[in-house]
Amino acid sequence: MTMSPSLPDPDRLPPARFALDRWTWREIAYLLANLPVAVVGFVYTVVVISVGAGLSVTVIGLPLLVGGLQGARLLGRLERRRARWMLGVRVEEPSPLGRGHRDQGFFVRLWAGLKDPVGWRALLYGFIRLPWGVLTFAVTLLSLFVLWPVLPFIARGLTAVDRAMVRGLLSPSDELERRIAELESDRGVVVDTAAADLRRIERDLHDGAQARLVALAMGLGLAKEKLTDDPEAAARMVD
């Protein structure tokens, strides 16, 4: 009996080798792009924190800070996509902010935006990436010309730190996000079941109780007709 060859695990990266293969070139490109991406993230984080904190004593300071956290969420999404495409890192997308606060007041939504853990972790990610981006850019560029025989191992070691950063700072709040997803799924099942039960009750009332009420009305009508002619028969019909 012949056995079919096992499929490769998409989450398992190929081992680092001396030859520069496709994954190695992707890791090198990722490390070289770390510097410009880190500069953008660092500048954005500094501007958001300084403007939001500086204007927090005014009316517009806190909404600006909430908007900055939303922008940090967007930058985090772009970084997750970049890591997924170039490093093979699969990180789930966090839940949208304010999904349970849309029907509530302005201050409730504002407070929920200020407490957004995903946005704050994305800002922290953008802040600490600058020194790491400078280091990875310099080491990778130097290794391309001087240490190229061991460049695959250097790239794999540096991108391992990048993978840990993405998983640690740009992933959802694991327990909370899973609990929200479970509650939403359970709520959908409960709503569907309740709707089906209501439809069944309506159908039973329409088909059963209504027919019995019509029969009762007809019986009472017949008893009323016999009331003057045969009171005893009318009493038996009412009973």
C-alpha atoms as a PDB file:
ATOM      1  CA  MET A   1       0.000   0.000   0.000  1.00  0.00           C
ATOM      2  CA  THR A   2       1.435   3.348  -1.009  1.00  0.00           C
ATOM      3  CA  MET A   3       1.184   6.251   1.363  1.00  0.00           C
ATOM      4  CA  SER A   4       0.669   9.810   0.158  1.00  0.00           C
ATOM      5  CA  PRO A   5       3.465  12.196   1.091  1.00  0.00           C
ATOM      6  CA  SER A   6       2.699  14.449   4.026  1.00  0.00           C
ATOM      7  CA  LEU A   7       1.986  18.052   3.232  1.00  0.00           C
ATOM      8  CA  PRO A   8       4.413  20.672   4.572  1.00  0.00           C
ATOM      9  CA  ASP A   9       3.322  22.617   7.639  1.00  0.00           C
ATOM     10  CA  PRO A  10       2.676  26.247   6.529  1.00  0.00           C
ATOM     11  CA  ASP A  11       3.545  27.518  10.029  1.00  0.00           C
ATOM     12  CA  ARG A  12       6.938  25.758  10.097  1.00  0.00           C
ATOM     13  CA  LEU A  13       9.677  27.783   8.450  1.00  0.00           C
ATOM     14  CA  PRO A  14      12.431  26.039   6.490  1.00  0.00           C
ATOM     15  CA  PRO A  15      15.771  25.734   8.299  1.00  0.00           C
ATOM     16  CA  ALA A  16      18.381  28.419   7.744  1.00  0.00           C
ATOM     17  CA  ARG A  17      21.039  27.403   5.240  1.00  0.00           C
ATOM     18  CA  PHE A  18      24.195  28.849   3.767  1.00  0.00           C
ATOM     19  CA  ALA A  19      22.474  29.260   0.395  1.00  0.00           C
ATOM     20  CA  LEU A  20      20.280  32.359   0.152  1.00  0.00           C
ATOM     21  CA  ASP A  21      16.839  30.930  -0.582  1.00  0.00           C
ATOM     22  CA  ARG A  22      13.486  32.685  -0.955  1.00  0.00           C
ATOM     23  CA  TRP A  23      12.779  32.886   2.772  1.00  0.00           C
ATOM     24  CA  THR A  24      16.217  34.281   3.505  1.00  0.00           C
ATOM     25  CA  TRP A  25      15.788  37.059   0.965  1.00  0.00           C
ATOM     26  CA  ARG A  26      12.406  37.895   2.454  1.00  0.00           C
ATOM     27  CA  GLU A  27      13.936  38.107   5.909  1.00  0.00           C
ATOM     28  CA  ILE A  28      16.743  40.318   4.616  1.00  0.00           C
ATOM     29  CA  ALA A  29      14.241  42.625   2.907  1.00  0.00           C
ATOM     30  CA  TYR A  30      12.204  42.780   6.110  1.00  0.00           C
ATOM     31  CA  LEU A  31      15.248  43.705   8.183  1.00  0.00           C
ATOM     32  CA  LEU A  32      16.348  46.407   5.734  1.00  0.00           C
ATOM     33  CA  ALA A  33      12.825  47.865   5.704  1.00  0.00           C
ATOM     34  CA  ASN A  34      12.770  47.983   9.494  1.00  0.00           C
ATOM     35  CA  LEU A  35      14.553  51.339   9.603  1.00  0.00           C
ATOM     36  CA  PRO A  36      12.151  53.468   7.497  1.00  0.00           C
ATOM     37  CA  VAL A  37       9.128  51.734   9.004  1.00  0.00           C
ATOM     38  CA  ALA A  38      10.500  52.249  12.524  1.00  0.00           C
ATOM     39  CA  VAL A  39      11.139  55.943  11.851  1.00  0.00           C
ATOM     40  CA  VAL A  40       7.533  56.435  10.735  1.00  0.00           C
ATOM     41  CA  GLY A  41       6.186  54.559  13.749  1.00  0.00           C
ATOM     42  CA  PHE A  42       8.423  56.405  16.206  1.00  0.00           C
ATOM     43  CA  VAL A  43       7.538  59.841  14.826  1.00  0.00           C
ATOM     44  CA  TYR A  44       3.843  59.000  14.872  1.00  0.00           C
ATOM     45  CA  THR A  45       4.031  57.758  18.473  1.00  0.00           C
ATOM     46  CA  VAL A  46       5.889  60.841  19.685  1.00  0.00           C
ATOM     47  CA  VAL A  47       3.455  63.191  17.945  1.00  0.00           C
ATOM     48  CA  VAL A  48       0.384  61.385  19.292  1.00  0.00           C
ATOM     49  CA  ILE A  49       1.663  61.279  22.857  1.00  0.00           C
ATOM     50  CA  SER A  50       2.952  64.858  22.916  1.00  0.00           C
ATOM     51  CA  VAL A  51      -0.116  66.405  21.251  1.00  0.00           C
ATOM     52  CA  GLY A  52      -2.630  64.265  23.109  1.00  0.00           C
ATOM     53  CA  ALA A  53      -0.994  64.701  26.506  1.00  0.00           C
ATOM     54  CA  GLY A  54      -0.257  68.398  25.937  1.00  0.00           C
ATOM     55  CA  LEU A  55      -3.849  69.168  24.975  1.00  0.00           C
ATOM     56  CA  SER A  56      -5.491  66.805  27.478  1.00  0.00           C
ATOM     57  CA  VAL A  57      -6.381  69.779  29.688  1.00  0.00           C
ATOM     58  CA  THR A  58      -8.484  71.206  26.854  1.00  0.00           C
ATOM     59  CA  VAL A  59     -11.654  69.898  25.258  1.00  0.00           C
ATOM     60  CA  ILE A  60      -9.994  68.505  22.133  1.00  0.00           C
ATOM     61  CA  GLY A  61      -6.994  66.795  23.754  1.00  0.00           C
ATOM     62  CA  LEU A  62      -8.624  63.503  24.735  1.00  0.00           C
ATOM     63  CA  PRO A  63     -10.513  63.008  21.440  1.00  0.00           C
ATOM     64  CA  LEU A  64      -7.236  63.647  19.600  1.00  0.00           C
ATOM     65  CA  LEU A  65      -5.554  61.013  21.747  1.00  0.00           C
ATOM     66  CA  VAL A  66      -8.347  58.539  20.977  1.00  0.00           C
ATOM     67  CA  GLY A  67      -7.926  59.289  17.267  1.00  0.00           C
ATOM     68  CA  GLY A  68      -4.195  58.724  17.623  1.00  0.00           C
ATOM     69  CA  LEU A  69      -4.836  55.321  19.216  1.00  0.00           C
ATOM     70  CA  GLN A  70      -7.090  54.434  16.298  1.00  0.00           C
ATOM     71  CA  GLY A  71      -4.289  55.403  13.918  1.00  0.00           C
ATOM     72  CA  ALA A  72      -1.904  53.221  15.931  1.00  0.00           C
ATOM     73  CA  ARG A  73      -4.309  50.336  15.404  1.00  0.00           C
ATOM     74  CA  LEU A  74      -4.044  50.930  11.651  1.00  0.00           C
ATOM     75  CA  LEU A  75      -0.242  50.950  11.793  1.00  0.00           C
ATOM     76  CA  GLY A  76      -0.357  47.734  13.786  1.00  0.00           C
ATOM     77  CA  ARG A  77      -2.555  46.147  11.121  1.00  0.00           C
ATOM     78  CA  LEU A  78      -0.054  47.119   8.426  1.00  0.00           C
ATOM     79  CA  GLU A  79       2.792  45.668  10.467  1.00  0.00           C
ATOM     80  CA  ARG A  80       0.901  42.408  10.966  1.00  0.00           C
ATOM     81  CA  ARG A  81       0.390  42.161   7.212  1.00  0.00           C
ATOM     82  CA  ARG A  82       4.040  42.914   6.519  1.00  0.00           C
ATOM     83  CA  ALA A  83       5.142  40.271   9.023  1.00  0.00           C
ATOM     84  CA  ARG A  84       2.636  37.771   7.634  1.00  0.00           C
ATOM     85  CA  TRP A  85       3.813  38.213   4.060  1.00  0.00           C
ATOM     86  CA  MET A  86       7.564  38.469   4.654  1.00  0.00           C
ATOM     87  CA  LEU A  87       8.109  36.429   7.822  1.00  0.00           C
ATOM     88  CA  GLY A  88       5.225  33.966   7.798  1.00  0.00           C
ATOM     89  CA  VAL A  89       3.905  35.228  11.145  1.00  0.00           C
ATOM     90  CA  ARG A  90       0.192  34.543  11.535  1.00  0.00           C
ATOM     91  CA  VAL A  91      -1.389  36.837  14.118  1.00  0.00           C
ATOM     92  CA  GLU A  92      -5.151  37.204  14.474  1.00  0.00           C
ATOM     93  CA  GLU A  93      -6.719  40.631  14.001  1.00  0.00           C
ATOM     94  CA  PRO A  94      -8.008  42.283  17.202  1.00  0.00           C
ATOM     95  CA  SER A  95     -11.690  43.034  17.605  1.00  0.00           C
ATOM     96  CA  PRO A  96     -12.843  46.470  16.366  1.00  0.00           C
ATOM     97  CA  LEU A  97     -12.990  49.123  19.049  1.00  0.00           C
ATOM     98  CA  GLY A  98     -16.350  50.394  20.245  1.00  0.00           C
ATOM     99  CA  ARG A  99     -18.365  47.453  18.975  1.00  0.00           C
ATOM    100  CA  GLY A 100     -20.294  47.307  22.259  1.00  0.00           C
ATOM    101  CA  HIS A 101     -20.418  51.082  22.849  1.00  0.00           C
ATOM    102  CA  ARG A 102     -22.036  52.375  19.670  1.00  0.00           C
ATOM    103  CA  ASP A 103     -25.423  53.004  21.278  1.00  0.00           C
ATOM    104  CA  GLN A 104     -23.975  54.628  24.383  1.00  0.00           C
ATOM    105  CA  GLY A 105     -23.014  58.213  25.078  1.00  0.00           C
ATOM    106  CA  PHE A 106     -20.049  60.211  23.862  1.00  0.00           C
ATOM    107  CA  PHE A 107     -18.117  60.011  27.135  1.00  0.00           C
ATOM    108  CA  VAL A 108     -18.570  56.245  27.371  1.00  0.00           C
ATOM    109  CA  ARG A 109     -17.121  55.811  23.863  1.00  0.00           C
ATOM    110  CA  LEU A 110     -14.348  58.289  24.700  1.00  0.00           C
ATOM    111  CA  TRP A 111     -13.385  56.387  27.847  1.00  0.00           C
ATOM    112  CA  ALA A 112     -13.447  53.079  25.965  1.00  0.00           C
ATOM    113  CA  GLY A 113     -11.130  54.579  23.338  1.00  0.00           C
ATOM    114  CA  LEU A 114      -8.713  55.828  25.988  1.00  0.00           C
ATOM    115  CA  LYS A 115      -8.563  52.364  27.586  1.00  0.00           C
ATOM    116  CA  ASP A 116      -7.957  50.580  24.271  1.00  0.00           C
ATOM    117  CA  PRO A 117      -5.146  48.072  25.046  1.00  0.00           C
ATOM    118  CA  VAL A 118      -4.568  47.256  21.376  1.00  0.00           C
ATOM    119  CA  GLY A 119      -3.899  50.910  20.502  1.00  0.00           C
ATOM    120  CA  TRP A 120      -1.555  51.444  23.453  1.00  0.00           C
ATOM    121  CA  ARG A 121       0.439  48.294  22.653  1.00  0.00           C
ATOM    122  CA  ALA A 122       0.711  49.428  19.048  1.00  0.00           C
ATOM    123  CA  LEU A 123       2.113  52.780  20.232  1.00  0.00           C
ATOM    124  CA  LEU A 124       4.596  50.949  22.458  1.00  0.00           C
ATOM    125  CA  TYR A 125       5.570  48.808  19.478  1.00  0.00           C
ATOM    126  CA  GLY A 126       6.207  51.929  17.378  1.00  0.00           C
ATOM    127  CA  PHE A 127       8.253  53.534  20.152  1.00  0.00           C
ATOM    128  CA  ILE A 128      10.654  50.658  20.857  1.00  0.00           C
ATOM    129  CA  ARG A 129      11.135  49.759  17.199  1.00  0.00           C
ATOM    130  CA  LEU A 130      13.410  52.697  16.355  1.00  0.00           C
ATOM    131  CA  PRO A 131      16.588  51.480  18.106  1.00  0.00           C
ATOM    132  CA  TRP A 132      15.887  47.937  16.949  1.00  0.00           C
ATOM    133  CA  GLY A 133      15.334  49.130  13.387  1.00  0.00           C
ATOM    134  CA  VAL A 134      18.646  50.999  13.385  1.00  0.00           C
ATOM    135  CA  LEU A 135      20.447  47.930  14.755  1.00  0.00           C
ATOM    136  CA  THR A 136      18.912  45.437  12.305  1.00  0.00           C
ATOM    137  CA  PHE A 137      19.481  47.737   9.328  1.00  0.00           C
ATOM    138  CA  ALA A 138      23.128  48.257  10.201  1.00  0.00           C
ATOM    139  CA  VAL A 139      23.866  44.599  10.969  1.00  0.00           C
ATOM    140  CA  THR A 140      22.076  43.319   7.862  1.00  0.00           C
ATOM    141  CA  LEU A 141      23.707  45.842   5.543  1.00  0.00           C
ATOM    142  CA  LEU A 142      27.134  45.062   6.959  1.00  0.00           C
ATOM    143  CA  SER A 143      26.535  41.325   6.714  1.00  0.00           C
ATOM    144  CA  LEU A 144      25.595  41.608   3.048  1.00  0.00           C
ATOM    145  CA  PHE A 145      29.146  42.739   2.252  1.00  0.00           C
ATOM    146  CA  VAL A 146      31.280  41.255   5.031  1.00  0.00           C
ATOM    147  CA  LEU A 147      29.484  38.321   6.696  1.00  0.00           C
ATOM    148  CA  TRP A 148      27.491  36.999   3.752  1.00  0.00           C
ATOM    149  CA  PRO A 149      28.493  33.315   4.304  1.00  0.00           C
ATOM    150  CA  VAL A 150      26.605  33.312   7.622  1.00  0.00           C
ATOM    151  CA  LEU A 151      23.992  35.879   6.605  1.00  0.00           C
ATOM    152  CA  PRO A 152      21.090  33.348   6.605  1.00  0.00           C
ATOM    153  CA  PHE A 153      21.757  32.539  10.262  1.00  0.00           C
ATOM    154  CA  ILE A 154      22.078  36.209  11.208  1.00  0.00           C
ATOM    155  CA  ALA A 155      18.840  37.044   9.379  1.00  0.00           C
ATOM    156  CA  ARG A 156      17.009  34.167  11.045  1.00  0.00           C
ATOM    157  CA  GLY A 157      18.203  35.232  14.503  1.00  0.00           C
ATOM    158  CA  LEU A 158      17.255  38.893  14.024  1.00  0.00           C
ATOM    159  CA  THR A 159      13.859  38.119  12.527  1.00  0.00           C
ATOM    160  CA  ALA A 160      13.155  35.759  15.435  1.00  0.00           C
ATOM    161  CA  VAL A 161      13.154  38.856  17.653  1.00  0.00           C
ATOM    162  CA  ASP A 162      10.853  40.613  15.176  1.00  0.00           C
ATOM    163  CA  ARG A 163       8.464  37.676  15.257  1.00  0.00           C
ATOM    164  CA  ALA A 164       8.417  37.773  19.056  1.00  0.00           C
ATOM    165  CA  MET A 165       7.684  41.530  19.022  1.00  0.00           C
ATOM    166  CA  VAL A 166       4.813  41.139  16.575  1.00  0.00           C
ATOM    167  CA  ARG A 167       3.267  38.277  18.511  1.00  0.00           C
ATOM    168  CA  GLY A 168       3.775  39.945  21.880  1.00  0.00           C
ATOM    169  CA  LEU A 169       2.660  43.510  21.111  1.00  0.00           C
ATOM    170  CA  LEU A 170       0.429  43.333  18.021  1.00  0.00           C
ATOM    171  CA  SER A 171      -1.622  40.249  18.840  1.00  0.00           C
ATOM    172  CA  PRO A 172      -5.105  40.472  20.370  1.00  0.00           C
ATOM    173  CA  SER A 173      -5.649  40.374  24.116  1.00  0.00           C
ATOM    174  CA  ASP A 174      -5.867  36.599  24.017  1.00  0.00           C
ATOM    175  CA  GLU A 175      -8.274  35.707  26.811  1.00  0.00           C
ATOM    176  CA  LEU A 176     -10.454  38.785  26.406  1.00  0.00           C
ATOM    177  CA  GLU A 177     -10.685  38.499  22.625  1.00  0.00           C
ATOM    178  CA  ARG A 178     -11.538  34.807  22.785  1.00  0.00           C
ATOM    179  CA  ARG A 179     -14.170  35.473  25.451  1.00  0.00           C
ATOM    180  CA  ILE A 180     -15.763  38.228  23.360  1.00  0.00           C
ATOM    181  CA  ALA A 181     -15.883  35.975  20.308  1.00  0.00           C
ATOM    182  CA  GLU A 182     -17.429  33.140  22.346  1.00  0.00           C
ATOM    183  CA  LEU A 183     -20.048  35.449  23.883  1.00  0.00           C
ATOM    184  CA  GLU A 184     -20.969  36.865  20.478  1.00  0.00           C
ATOM    185  CA  SER A 185     -21.315  33.376  19.033  1.00  0.00           C
ATOM    186  CA  ASP A 186     -23.422  32.233  22.008  1.00  0.00           C
ATOM    187  CA  ARG A 187     -25.579  35.342  21.771  1.00  0.00           C
ATOM    188  CA  GLY A 188     -26.252  34.681  18.088  1.00  0.00           C
ATOM    189  CA  VAL A 189     -27.278  31.088  18.859  1.00  0.00           C
ATOM    190  CA  VAL A 190     -29.571  32.239  21.690  1.00  0.00           C
ATOM    191  CA  VAL A 191     -31.202  34.902  19.500  1.00  0.00           C
ATOM    192  CA  ASP A 192     -31.804  32.420  16.674  1.00  0.00           C
ATOM    193  CA  THR A 193     -33.239  29.828  19.077  1.00  0.00           C
ATOM    194  CA  ALA A 194     -35.511  32.394  20.721  1.00  0.00           C
ATOM    195  CA  ALA A 195     -36.782  33.578  17.332  1.00  0.00           C
ATOM    196  CA  ALA A 196     -37.520  29.982  16.282  1.00  0.00           C
ATOM    197  CA  ASP A 197     -39.373  29.352  19.566  1.00  0.00           C
ATOM    198  CA  LEU A 198     -41.457  32.496  19.082  1.00  0.00           C
ATOM    199  CA  ARG A 199     -42.391  31.445  15.562  1.00  0.00           C
ATOM    200  CA  ARG A 200     -43.365  27.985  16.796  1.00  0.00           C
ATOM    201  CA  ILE A 201     -45.512  29.441  19.599  1.00  0.00           C
ATOM    202  CA  GLU A 202     -47.239  31.778  17.158  1.00  0.00           C
ATOM    203  CA  ARG A 203     -47.911  28.884  14.807  1.00  0.00           C
ATOM    204  CA  ASP A 204     -49.257  26.718  17.619  1.00  0.00           C
ATOM    205  CA  LEU A 205     -51.512  29.519  18.848  1.00  0.00           C
ATOM    206  CA  HIS A 206     -52.776  30.177  15.364  1.00  0.00           C
ATOM    207  CA  ASP A 207     -53.385  26.548  14.434  1.00  0.00           C
ATOM    208  CA  GLY A 208     -54.450  25.102  17.804  1.00  0.00           C
ATOM    209  CA  ALA A 209     -55.855  27.626  20.232  1.00  0.00           C
ATOM    210  CA  GLN A 210     -57.681  29.601  17.579  1.00  0.00           C
ATOM    211  CA  ALA A 211     -59.454  26.494  16.281  1.00  0.00           C
ATOM    212  CA  ARG A 212     -60.470  25.511  19.813  1.00  0.00           C
ATOM    213  CA  LEU A 213     -61.794  29.009  20.495  1.00  0.00           C
ATOM    214  CA  VAL A 214     -63.890  28.876  17.315  1.00  0.00           C
ATOM    215  CA  ALA A 215     -65.287  25.466  18.313  1.00  0.00           C
ATOM    216  CA  LEU A 216     -66.079  26.795  21.791  1.00  0.00           C
ATOM    217  CA  ALA A 217     -67.882  29.807  20.337  1.00  0.00           C
ATOM    218  CA  MET A 218     -69.949  27.548  18.079  1.00  0.00           C
ATOM    219  CA  GLY A 219     -70.830  25.284  20.985  1.00  0.00           C
ATOM    220  CA  LEU A 220     -71.923  28.213  23.105  1.00  0.00           C
ATOM    221  CA  GLY A 221     -74.007  29.497  20.196  1.00  0.00           C
ATOM    222  CA  LEU A 222     -75.797  26.153  19.908  1.00  0.00           C
ATOM    223  CA  ALA A 223     -76.355  26.065  23.651  1.00  0.00           C
ATOM    224  CA  LYS A 224     -77.838  29.554  23.517  1.00  0.00           C
ATOM    225  CA  GLU A 225     -80.307  28.449  20.836  1.00  0.00           C
ATOM    226  CA  LYS A 226     -81.445  25.509  22.972  1.00  0.00           C
ATOM    227  CA  LEU A 227     -81.678  27.581  26.156  1.00  0.00           C
ATOM    228  CA  THR A 228     -85.340  28.518  25.657  1.00  0.00           C
ATOM    229  CA  ASP A 229     -86.527  25.199  24.182  1.00  0.00           C
ATOM    230  CA  ASP A 230     -84.545  22.653  26.170  1.00  0.00           C
ATOM    231  CA  PRO A 231     -82.740  24.195  29.199  1.00  0.00           C
ATOM    232  CA  GLU A 232     -81.446  20.822  30.390  1.00  0.00           C
ATOM    233  CA  ALA A 233     -79.790  20.032  27.039  1.00  0.00           C
ATOM    234  CA  ALA A 234     -78.337  23.529  26.924  1.00  0.00           C
ATOM    235  CA  ALA A 235     -76.871  23.058  30.432  1.00  0.00           C
ATOM    236  CA  ARG A 236     -75.305  19.739  29.368  1.00  0.00           C
ATOM    237  CA  MET A 237     -73.761  21.439  26.302  1.00  0.00           C
ATOM    238  CA  VAL A 238     -72.336  24.239  28.467  1.00  0.00           C
ATOM    239  CA  ASP A 239     -70.934  21.659  30.915  1.00  0.00           C
END
